[in-house]
């Protein structure tokens, strides 16, 4: 079976499961987007795993990033927004 056939089968099963579970009505595009999130392409999956591993290494080495509020303030200044 080719990858395309496997993907089609996987997507079909995903859609049937969504219908069976009575989840909210979704368009075919929304269903495909959700399926793609849950079934990333091999290279995208590998890229995501590498990024997560790099973040874990950074954290283990003491890098704690930036406090979310600092990012929010920077964006507000950058786009001329005010706090509500």
Protein backbone atom coordinates (compact mmCIF):
# COMPACT_ATOMS: atom_id res chain seq x y z
CA UNK A 1 0.00 0.00 0.00
CA UNK A 2 1.37 3.44 -0.90
CA UNK A 3 1.72 6.29 1.54
CA UNK A 4 -1.13 8.12 -0.18
CA UNK A 5 -3.42 5.12 0.23
CA UNK A 6 -2.40 4.81 3.88
CA UNK A 7 -3.06 8.51 4.44
CA UNK A 8 -6.49 8.26 2.80
CA UNK A 9 -7.39 5.27 4.94
CA UNK A 10 -6.16 7.04 8.06
CA UNK A 11 -8.11 10.20 7.22
CA UNK A 12 -11.26 8.20 6.44
CA UNK A 13 -11.05 6.41 9.79
CA UNK A 14 -10.47 9.74 11.54
CA UNK A 15 -13.57 11.27 9.91
CA UNK A 16 -15.70 8.23 10.75
CA UNK A 17 -14.54 8.45 14.37
CA UNK A 18 -15.45 12.15 14.53
CA UNK A 19 -18.93 11.39 13.19
CA UNK A 20 -19.36 8.44 15.56
CA UNK A 21 -18.36 10.55 18.56
CA UNK A 22 -20.91 13.18 17.58
CA UNK A 23 -18.30 15.92 17.69
CA UNK A 24 -19.41 19.35 16.52
CA UNK A 25 -20.00 19.66 12.81
CA UNK A 26 -16.75 20.40 11.05
CA UNK A 27 -16.09 21.23 7.44
CA UNK A 28 -13.93 18.92 5.38
CA UNK A 29 -11.16 21.51 5.58
CA UNK A 30 -11.41 21.66 9.38
CA UNK A 31 -11.39 17.88 9.57
CA UNK A 32 -8.32 17.68 7.35
CA UNK A 33 -6.52 20.37 9.36
CA UNK A 34 -7.25 18.54 12.60
CA UNK A 35 -6.17 15.21 11.13
CA UNK A 36 -2.95 16.79 9.83
CA UNK A 37 -2.17 18.16 13.31
CA UNK A 38 -2.62 14.69 14.74
CA UNK A 39 -0.74 13.02 11.86
CA UNK A 40 2.14 15.28 10.82
CA UNK A 41 4.32 14.46 7.86
CA UNK A 42 7.46 12.52 8.76
CA UNK A 43 9.85 15.41 8.19
CA UNK A 44 7.65 17.83 10.14
CA UNK A 45 7.39 15.36 13.00
CA UNK A 46 11.18 14.96 13.08
CA UNK A 47 11.61 18.75 13.03
CA UNK A 48 9.15 19.15 15.94
CA UNK A 49 10.90 16.45 17.97
CA UNK A 50 14.28 18.13 17.37
CA UNK A 51 12.89 21.50 18.49
CA UNK A 52 11.40 20.00 21.65
CA UNK A 53 14.66 18.22 22.46
CA UNK A 54 16.59 21.48 21.98
CA UNK A 55 14.18 23.25 24.34
CA UNK A 56 14.60 20.53 26.95
CA UNK A 57 18.40 20.82 26.71
CA UNK A 58 18.16 24.61 27.08
CA UNK A 59 15.95 24.21 30.15
CA UNK A 60 18.33 21.66 31.69
CA UNK A 61 21.19 24.11 31.17
CA UNK A 62 19.32 26.81 33.08
CA UNK A 63 17.71 28.73 30.22
CA UNK A 64 14.25 29.72 31.40
CA UNK A 65 13.24 31.91 28.49
CA UNK A 66 11.30 35.11 28.89
CA UNK A 67 8.31 35.70 31.12
CA UNK A 68 5.14 35.74 29.00
CA UNK A 69 4.20 39.18 30.31
CA UNK A 70 7.41 40.60 28.88
CA UNK A 71 6.47 39.26 25.44
CA UNK A 72 2.99 40.71 25.76
CA UNK A 73 4.34 44.12 26.71
CA UNK A 74 6.80 44.07 23.80
CA UNK A 75 4.01 43.21 21.35
CA UNK A 76 1.75 45.93 22.76
CA UNK A 77 4.51 48.49 22.29
CA UNK A 78 5.39 47.19 18.83
CA UNK A 79 1.78 47.38 17.60
CA UNK A 80 0.69 50.43 19.57
CA UNK A 81 -1.85 48.53 21.67
CA UNK A 82 -2.93 49.33 25.20
CA UNK A 83 -3.83 47.10 28.11
CA UNK A 84 -7.54 46.58 28.68
